Every structure is written in C-alpha cells, then in structure tokens.
PDB file of all heavy atoms in Angstrom:
ATOM      1  N   LEU A   1     -59.163 -10.806 -57.993  1.00  0.00           N
ATOM      2  CA  LEU A   1     -59.230 -10.427 -56.575  1.00  0.00           C
ATOM      3  C   LEU A   1     -59.804  -9.031 -56.392  1.00  0.00           C
ATOM      4  O   LEU A   1     -60.475  -8.745 -55.395  1.00  0.00           O
ATOM      5  CB  LEU A   1     -57.841 -10.496 -55.938  1.00  0.00           C
ATOM      6  CG  LEU A   1     -57.247 -11.880 -55.681  1.00  0.00           C
ATOM      7  CD1 LEU A   1     -55.852 -11.751 -55.094  1.00  0.00           C
ATOM      8  CD2 LEU A   1     -58.130 -12.706 -54.756  1.00  0.00           C
ATOM      9  N   ASN A   2     -59.508  -8.146 -57.352  1.00  0.00           N
ATOM     10  CA  ASN A   2     -60.004  -6.769 -57.323  1.00  0.00           C
ATOM     11  C   ASN A   2     -59.732  -6.117 -55.968  1.00  0.00           C
ATOM     12  O   ASN A   2     -60.659  -5.707 -55.255  1.00  0.00           O
ATOM     13  CB  ASN A   2     -61.506  -6.747 -57.627  1.00  0.00           C
ATOM     14  CG  ASN A   2     -62.016  -5.346 -57.898  1.00  0.00           C
ATOM     15  OD1 ASN A   2     -61.254  -4.449 -58.264  1.00  0.00           O
ATOM     16  ND2 ASN A   2     -63.308  -5.147 -57.702  1.00  0.00           N
ATOM     17  N   PRO A   3     -58.459  -6.008 -55.582  1.00  0.00           N
ATOM     18  CA  PRO A   3     -58.122  -5.482 -54.253  1.00  0.00           C
ATOM     19  C   PRO A   3     -58.635  -4.066 -54.047  1.00  0.00           C
ATOM     20  O   PRO A   3     -58.543  -3.226 -54.937  1.00  0.00           O
ATOM     21  CB  PRO A   3     -56.588  -5.515 -54.238  1.00  0.00           C
ATOM     22  CG  PRO A   3     -56.205  -6.478 -55.315  1.00  0.00           C
ATOM     23  CD  PRO A   3     -57.259  -6.325 -56.371  1.00  0.00           C
ATOM     24  N   LYS A   4     -59.169  -3.812 -52.843  1.00  0.00           N
ATOM     25  CA  LYS A   4     -59.734  -2.507 -52.527  1.00  0.00           C
ATOM     26  C   LYS A   4     -59.193  -2.009 -51.189  1.00  0.00           C
ATOM     27  O   LYS A   4     -58.810  -2.798 -50.326  1.00  0.00           O
ATOM     28  CB  LYS A   4     -61.261  -2.600 -52.447  1.00  0.00           C
ATOM     29  CG  LYS A   4     -61.926  -3.010 -53.753  1.00  0.00           C
ATOM     30  CD  LYS A   4     -63.430  -3.050 -53.594  1.00  0.00           C
ATOM     31  CE  LYS A   4     -64.101  -3.524 -54.889  1.00  0.00           C
ATOM     32  NZ  LYS A   4     -63.805  -2.631 -56.018  1.00  0.00           N
ATOM     33  N   PRO A   5     -59.164  -0.684 -51.000  1.00  0.00           N
ATOM     34  CA  PRO A   5     -58.793  -0.142 -49.689  1.00  0.00           C
ATOM     35  C   PRO A   5     -59.715  -0.712 -48.618  1.00  0.00           C
ATOM     36  O   PRO A   5     -60.888  -0.995 -48.884  1.00  0.00           O
ATOM     37  CB  PRO A   5     -59.005   1.367 -49.861  1.00  0.00           C
ATOM     38  CG  PRO A   5     -58.887   1.598 -51.328  1.00  0.00           C
ATOM     39  CD  PRO A   5     -59.442   0.371 -51.987  1.00  0.00           C
ATOM     40  N   GLU A   6     -59.179  -0.911 -47.440  1.00  0.00           N
ATOM     41  CA  GLU A   6     -59.878  -1.502 -46.294  1.00  0.00           C
ATOM     42  C   GLU A   6     -60.023  -3.023 -46.415  1.00  0.00           C
ATOM     43  O   GLU A   6     -60.423  -3.679 -45.453  1.00  0.00           O
ATOM     44  CB  GLU A   6     -61.287  -0.882 -46.093  1.00  0.00           C
ATOM     45  CG  GLU A   6     -61.318   0.626 -46.005  1.00  0.00           C
ATOM     46  CD  GLU A   6     -60.576   1.144 -44.788  1.00  0.00           C
ATOM     47  OE1 GLU A   6     -60.424   0.399 -43.818  1.00  0.00           O
ATOM     48  OE2 GLU A   6     -60.133   2.313 -44.833  1.00  0.00           O
ATOM     49  N   GLY A   7     -59.695  -3.596 -47.574  1.00  0.00           N
ATOM     50  CA  GLY A   7     -59.798  -5.037 -47.736  1.00  0.00           C
ATOM     51  C   GLY A   7     -58.648  -5.778 -47.066  1.00  0.00           C
ATOM     52  O   GLY A   7     -57.557  -5.222 -46.878  1.00  0.00           O
ATOM     53  N   VAL A   8     -58.900  -7.041 -46.716  1.00  0.00           N
ATOM     54  CA  VAL A   8     -57.870  -7.902 -46.137  1.00  0.00           C
ATOM     55  C   VAL A   8     -57.700  -9.098 -47.061  1.00  0.00           C
ATOM     56  O   VAL A   8     -58.678  -9.783 -47.396  1.00  0.00           O
ATOM     57  CB  VAL A   8     -58.261  -8.385 -44.724  1.00  0.00           C
ATOM     58  CG1 VAL A   8     -57.186  -9.324 -44.160  1.00  0.00           C
ATOM     59  CG2 VAL A   8     -58.468  -7.203 -43.794  1.00  0.00           C
ATOM     60  N   TYR A   9     -56.468  -9.354 -47.478  1.00  0.00           N
ATOM     61  CA  TYR A   9     -56.194 -10.391 -48.463  1.00  0.00           C
ATOM     62  C   TYR A   9     -55.096 -11.328 -47.951  1.00  0.00           C
ATOM     63  O   TYR A   9     -54.206 -10.920 -47.210  1.00  0.00           O
ATOM     64  CB  TYR A   9     -55.783  -9.756 -49.798  1.00  0.00           C
ATOM     65  CG  TYR A   9     -56.843  -8.824 -50.317  1.00  0.00           C
ATOM     66  CD1 TYR A   9     -56.826  -7.467 -49.970  1.00  0.00           C
ATOM     67  CD2 TYR A   9     -57.889  -9.297 -51.092  1.00  0.00           C
ATOM     68  CE1 TYR A   9     -57.822  -6.610 -50.396  1.00  0.00           C
ATOM     69  CE2 TYR A   9     -58.890  -8.438 -51.528  1.00  0.00           C
ATOM     70  CZ  TYR A   9     -58.859  -7.103 -51.173  1.00  0.00           C
ATOM     71  OH  TYR A   9     -59.866  -6.261 -51.587  1.00  0.00           O
ATOM     72  N   ILE A  10     -55.182 -12.592 -48.379  1.00  0.00           N
ATOM     73  CA  ILE A  10     -54.195 -13.592 -47.989  1.00  0.00           C
ATOM     74  C   ILE A  10     -53.456 -14.073 -49.227  1.00  0.00           C
ATOM     75  O   ILE A  10     -54.079 -14.434 -50.231  1.00  0.00           O
ATOM     76  CB  ILE A  10     -54.858 -14.811 -47.314  1.00  0.00           C
ATOM     77  CG1 ILE A  10     -55.565 -14.415 -46.023  1.00  0.00           C
ATOM     78  CG2 ILE A  10     -53.813 -15.890 -47.016  1.00  0.00           C
ATOM     79  CD1 ILE A  10     -56.340 -15.555 -45.390  1.00  0.00           C
ATOM     80  N   ASP A  11     -52.149 -14.062 -49.146  1.00  0.00           N
ATOM     81  CA  ASP A  11     -51.313 -14.773 -50.112  1.00  0.00           C
ATOM     82  C   ASP A  11     -50.777 -15.988 -49.364  1.00  0.00           C
ATOM     83  O   ASP A  11     -49.837 -15.895 -48.580  1.00  0.00           O
ATOM     84  CB  ASP A  11     -50.167 -13.884 -50.605  1.00  0.00           C
ATOM     85  CG  ASP A  11     -49.378 -14.521 -51.747  1.00  0.00           C
ATOM     86  OD1 ASP A  11     -49.516 -15.748 -51.939  1.00  0.00           O
ATOM     87  OD2 ASP A  11     -48.629 -13.808 -52.427  1.00  0.00           O
ATOM     88  N   GLY A  12     -51.416 -17.141 -49.587  1.00  0.00           N
ATOM     89  CA  GLY A  12     -51.117 -18.328 -48.799  1.00  0.00           C
ATOM     90  C   GLY A  12     -49.801 -18.987 -49.123  1.00  0.00           C
ATOM     91  O   GLY A  12     -49.356 -19.881 -48.392  1.00  0.00           O
ATOM     92  N   THR A  13     -49.195 -18.575 -50.219  1.00  0.00           N
ATOM     93  CA  THR A  13     -47.875 -19.081 -50.632  1.00  0.00           C
ATOM     94  C   THR A  13     -47.080 -17.871 -51.110  1.00  0.00           C
ATOM     95  O   THR A  13     -46.813 -17.726 -52.298  1.00  0.00           O
ATOM     96  CB  THR A  13     -48.014 -20.122 -51.760  1.00  0.00           C
ATOM     97  OG1 THR A  13     -48.897 -19.596 -52.776  1.00  0.00           O
ATOM     98  CG2 THR A  13     -48.597 -21.421 -51.247  1.00  0.00           C
ATOM     99  N   VAL A  14     -46.693 -17.022 -50.177  1.00  0.00           N
ATOM    100  CA  VAL A  14     -46.199 -15.694 -50.534  1.00  0.00           C
ATOM    101  C   VAL A  14     -44.928 -15.741 -51.379  1.00  0.00           C
ATOM    102  O   VAL A  14     -44.688 -14.846 -52.196  1.00  0.00           O
ATOM    103  CB  VAL A  14     -45.990 -14.845 -49.257  1.00  0.00           C
ATOM    104  CG1 VAL A  14     -44.836 -15.352 -48.433  1.00  0.00           C
ATOM    105  CG2 VAL A  14     -45.810 -13.379 -49.603  1.00  0.00           C
ATOM    106  N   GLY A  15     -44.096 -16.785 -51.219  1.00  0.00           N
ATOM    107  CA  GLY A  15     -42.904 -16.903 -52.050  1.00  0.00           C
ATOM    108  C   GLY A  15     -42.030 -15.673 -51.946  1.00  0.00           C
ATOM    109  O   GLY A  15     -41.670 -15.227 -50.860  1.00  0.00           O
ATOM    110  N   LEU A  16     -41.681 -15.099 -53.092  1.00  0.00           N
ATOM    111  CA  LEU A  16     -40.815 -13.918 -53.110  1.00  0.00           C
ATOM    112  C   LEU A  16     -41.596 -12.610 -53.070  1.00  0.00           C
ATOM    113  O   LEU A  16     -41.024 -11.529 -53.186  1.00  0.00           O
ATOM    114  CB  LEU A  16     -39.912 -13.956 -54.344  1.00  0.00           C
ATOM    115  CG  LEU A  16     -39.066 -15.216 -54.501  1.00  0.00           C
ATOM    116  CD1 LEU A  16     -38.093 -15.071 -55.663  1.00  0.00           C
ATOM    117  CD2 LEU A  16     -38.308 -15.540 -53.226  1.00  0.00           C
ATOM    118  N   GLY A  17     -42.921 -12.694 -52.936  1.00  0.00           N
ATOM    119  CA  GLY A  17     -43.726 -11.506 -52.682  1.00  0.00           C
ATOM    120  C   GLY A  17     -44.207 -10.746 -53.889  1.00  0.00           C
ATOM    121  O   GLY A  17     -44.740  -9.644 -53.748  1.00  0.00           O
ATOM    122  N   GLY A  18     -44.075 -11.305 -55.086  1.00  0.00           N
ATOM    123  CA  GLY A  18     -44.487 -10.584 -56.288  1.00  0.00           C
ATOM    124  C   GLY A  18     -45.983 -10.318 -56.354  1.00  0.00           C
ATOM    125  O   GLY A  18     -46.420  -9.186 -56.602  1.00  0.00           O
ATOM    126  N   HIS A  19     -46.796 -11.368 -56.141  1.00  0.00           N
ATOM    127  CA  HIS A  19     -48.249 -11.179 -56.136  1.00  0.00           C
ATOM    128  C   HIS A  19     -48.673 -10.280 -54.978  1.00  0.00           C
ATOM    129  O   HIS A  19     -49.551  -9.423 -55.122  1.00  0.00           O
ATOM    130  CB  HIS A  19     -48.966 -12.526 -56.018  1.00  0.00           C
ATOM    131  CG  HIS A  19     -48.854 -13.392 -57.225  1.00  0.00           C
ATOM    132  ND1 HIS A  19     -48.085 -14.521 -57.265  1.00  0.00           N
ATOM    133  CD2 HIS A  19     -49.436 -13.296 -58.452  1.00  0.00           C
ATOM    134  CE1 HIS A  19     -48.192 -15.088 -58.454  1.00  0.00           C
ATOM    135  NE2 HIS A  19     -48.988 -14.363 -59.197  1.00  0.00           N
ATOM    136  N   SER A  20     -48.042 -10.472 -53.829  1.00  0.00           N
ATOM    137  CA  SER A  20     -48.391  -9.680 -52.640  1.00  0.00           C
ATOM    138  C   SER A  20     -48.172  -8.196 -52.880  1.00  0.00           C
ATOM    139  O   SER A  20     -48.997  -7.362 -52.494  1.00  0.00           O
ATOM    140  CB  SER A  20     -47.549 -10.141 -51.443  1.00  0.00           C
ATOM    141  OG  SER A  20     -47.871 -11.464 -51.074  1.00  0.00           O
ATOM    142  N   ALA A  21     -47.054  -7.854 -53.520  1.00  0.00           N
ATOM    143  CA  ALA A  21     -46.769  -6.449 -53.800  1.00  0.00           C
ATOM    144  C   ALA A  21     -47.836  -5.845 -54.704  1.00  0.00           C
ATOM    145  O   ALA A  21     -48.283  -4.714 -54.485  1.00  0.00           O
ATOM    146  CB  ALA A  21     -45.390  -6.317 -54.447  1.00  0.00           C
ATOM    147  N   ALA A  22     -48.268  -6.608 -55.710  1.00  0.00           N
ATOM    148  CA  ALA A  22     -49.299  -6.106 -56.623  1.00  0.00           C
ATOM    149  C   ALA A  22     -50.620  -5.896 -55.894  1.00  0.00           C
ATOM    150  O   ALA A  22     -51.331  -4.906 -56.127  1.00  0.00           O
ATOM    151  CB  ALA A  22     -49.475  -7.085 -57.777  1.00  0.00           C
ATOM    152  N   ILE A  23     -50.973  -6.813 -54.994  1.00  0.00           N
ATOM    153  CA  ILE A  23     -52.214  -6.686 -54.217  1.00  0.00           C
ATOM    154  C   ILE A  23     -52.147  -5.456 -53.314  1.00  0.00           C
ATOM    155  O   ILE A  23     -53.115  -4.692 -53.201  1.00  0.00           O
ATOM    156  CB  ILE A  23     -52.455  -7.968 -53.387  1.00  0.00           C
ATOM    157  CG1 ILE A  23     -52.761  -9.143 -54.316  1.00  0.00           C
ATOM    158  CG2 ILE A  23     -53.602  -7.768 -52.396  1.00  0.00           C
ATOM    159  CD1 ILE A  23     -52.734 -10.507 -53.629  1.00  0.00           C
ATOM    160  N   LEU A  24     -51.005  -5.247 -52.683  1.00  0.00           N
ATOM    161  CA  LEU A  24     -50.852  -4.094 -51.795  1.00  0.00           C
ATOM    162  C   LEU A  24     -50.899  -2.773 -52.560  1.00  0.00           C
ATOM    163  O   LEU A  24     -51.486  -1.786 -52.094  1.00  0.00           O
ATOM    164  CB  LEU A  24     -49.533  -4.214 -51.028  1.00  0.00           C
ATOM    165  CG  LEU A  24     -49.527  -5.240 -49.891  1.00  0.00           C
ATOM    166  CD1 LEU A  24     -48.110  -5.574 -49.465  1.00  0.00           C
ATOM    167  CD2 LEU A  24     -50.334  -4.723 -48.700  1.00  0.00           C
ATOM    168  N   GLU A  25     -50.290  -2.746 -53.723  1.00  0.00           N
ATOM    169  CA  GLU A  25     -50.312  -1.524 -54.530  1.00  0.00           C
ATOM    170  C   GLU A  25     -51.737  -1.151 -54.909  1.00  0.00           C
ATOM    171  O   GLU A  25     -52.126   0.027 -54.855  1.00  0.00           O
ATOM    172  CB  GLU A  25     -49.466  -1.721 -55.786  1.00  0.00           C
ATOM    173  CG  GLU A  25     -47.959  -1.737 -55.515  1.00  0.00           C
ATOM    174  CD  GLU A  25     -47.155  -2.159 -56.727  1.00  0.00           C
ATOM    175  OE1 GLU A  25     -47.773  -2.445 -57.780  1.00  0.00           O
ATOM    176  OE2 GLU A  25     -45.913  -2.234 -56.619  1.00  0.00           O
ATOM    177  N   LEU A  26     -52.539  -2.144 -55.283  1.00  0.00           N
ATOM    178  CA  LEU A  26     -53.891  -1.863 -55.755  1.00  0.00           C
ATOM    179  C   LEU A  26     -54.887  -1.670 -54.625  1.00  0.00           C
ATOM    180  O   LEU A  26     -56.001  -1.180 -54.863  1.00  0.00           O
ATOM    181  CB  LEU A  26     -54.362  -2.994 -56.675  1.00  0.00           C
ATOM    182  CG  LEU A  26     -53.635  -3.064 -58.026  1.00  0.00           C
ATOM    183  CD1 LEU A  26     -54.032  -4.311 -58.795  1.00  0.00           C
ATOM    184  CD2 LEU A  26     -53.951  -1.825 -58.863  1.00  0.00           C
ATOM    185  N   SER A  27     -54.509  -2.064 -53.410  1.00  0.00           N
ATOM    186  CA  SER A  27     -55.422  -1.871 -52.276  1.00  0.00           C
ATOM    187  C   SER A  27     -55.030  -0.664 -51.422  1.00  0.00           C
ATOM    188  O   SER A  27     -55.540  -0.496 -50.309  1.00  0.00           O
ATOM    189  CB  SER A  27     -55.454  -3.128 -51.392  1.00  0.00           C
ATOM    190  OG  SER A  27     -54.184  -3.387 -50.831  1.00  0.00           O
ATOM    191  N   ALA A  28     -54.133   0.157 -51.946  1.00  0.00           N
ATOM    192  CA  ALA A  28     -53.722   1.363 -51.227  1.00  0.00           C
ATOM    193  C   ALA A  28     -54.919   2.295 -51.038  1.00  0.00           C
ATOM    194  O   ALA A  28     -55.852   2.289 -51.852  1.00  0.00           O
ATOM    195  CB  ALA A  28     -52.613   2.070 -52.010  1.00  0.00           C
ATOM    196  N   PRO A  29     -54.959   3.073 -49.978  1.00  0.00           N
ATOM    197  CA  PRO A  29     -53.871   3.260 -49.007  1.00  0.00           C
ATOM    198  C   PRO A  29     -53.999   2.409 -47.751  1.00  0.00           C
ATOM    199  O   PRO A  29     -53.128   2.471 -46.879  1.00  0.00           O
ATOM    200  CB  PRO A  29     -54.023   4.739 -48.640  1.00  0.00           C
ATOM    201  CG  PRO A  29     -55.509   4.964 -48.690  1.00  0.00           C
ATOM    202  CD  PRO A  29     -56.014   4.110 -49.827  1.00  0.00           C
ATOM    203  N   SER A  30     -55.083   1.610 -47.633  1.00  0.00           N
ATOM    204  CA  SER A  30     -55.323   0.974 -46.329  1.00  0.00           C
ATOM    205  C   SER A  30     -55.570  -0.527 -46.393  1.00  0.00           C
ATOM    206  O   SER A  30     -55.866  -1.143 -45.378  1.00  0.00           O
ATOM    207  CB  SER A  30     -56.515   1.654 -45.639  1.00  0.00           C
ATOM    208  OG  SER A  30     -57.642   1.658 -46.506  1.00  0.00           O
ATOM    209  N   GLY A  31     -55.468  -1.131 -47.581  1.00  0.00           N
ATOM    210  CA  GLY A  31     -55.648  -2.576 -47.673  1.00  0.00           C
ATOM    211  C   GLY A  31     -54.529  -3.314 -46.956  1.00  0.00           C
ATOM    212  O   GLY A  31     -53.404  -2.832 -46.874  1.00  0.00           O
ATOM    213  N   HIS A  32     -54.855  -4.504 -46.454  1.00  0.00           N
ATOM    214  CA  HIS A  32     -53.877  -5.279 -45.691  1.00  0.00           C
ATOM    215  C   HIS A  32     -53.653  -6.629 -46.351  1.00  0.00           C
ATOM    216  O   HIS A  32     -54.595  -7.288 -46.811  1.00  0.00           O
ATOM    217  CB  HIS A  32     -54.357  -5.486 -44.254  1.00  0.00           C
ATOM    218  CG  HIS A  32     -53.279  -6.005 -43.340  1.00  0.00           C
ATOM    219  ND1 HIS A  32     -52.332  -5.177 -42.770  1.00  0.00           N
ATOM    220  CD2 HIS A  32     -52.979  -7.254 -42.923  1.00  0.00           C
ATOM    221  CE1 HIS A  32     -51.517  -5.904 -42.030  1.00  0.00           C
ATOM    222  NE2 HIS A  32     -51.878  -7.176 -42.103  1.00  0.00           N
ATOM    223  N   LEU A  33     -52.392  -7.058 -46.396  1.00  0.00           N
ATOM    224  CA  LEU A  33     -51.995  -8.341 -46.994  1.00  0.00           C
ATOM    225  C   LEU A  33     -51.345  -9.213 -45.930  1.00  0.00           C
ATOM    226  O   LEU A  33     -50.409  -8.779 -45.257  1.00  0.00           O
ATOM    227  CB  LEU A  33     -51.046  -8.106 -48.162  1.00  0.00           C
ATOM    228  CG  LEU A  33     -50.544  -9.261 -49.040  1.00  0.00           C
ATOM    229  CD1 LEU A  33     -49.478 -10.125 -48.370  1.00  0.00           C
ATOM    230  CD2 LEU A  33     -51.701 -10.134 -49.510  1.00  0.00           C
TER     231      LEU A  33
END
C-alpha cells in the first residue's frame, strides 16, 4: 500500500483495527483511513 501523507486509504474489513493502525502510523501526519 505504501501509505503516504495526504493519502486516503480504505480498510474494507476493519475488524479490530490492526491493519488500520499501521496504515495510519505510516501515513502520518495527514493520511486518512
């Protein structure tokens, strides 16, 4: 996925949020999940 700041990403099966947290951490400070 290579998350980047300003990027918008979808976790279509967010579950307990583990993947989502990793995407948000790597897309800081302005990426959106």
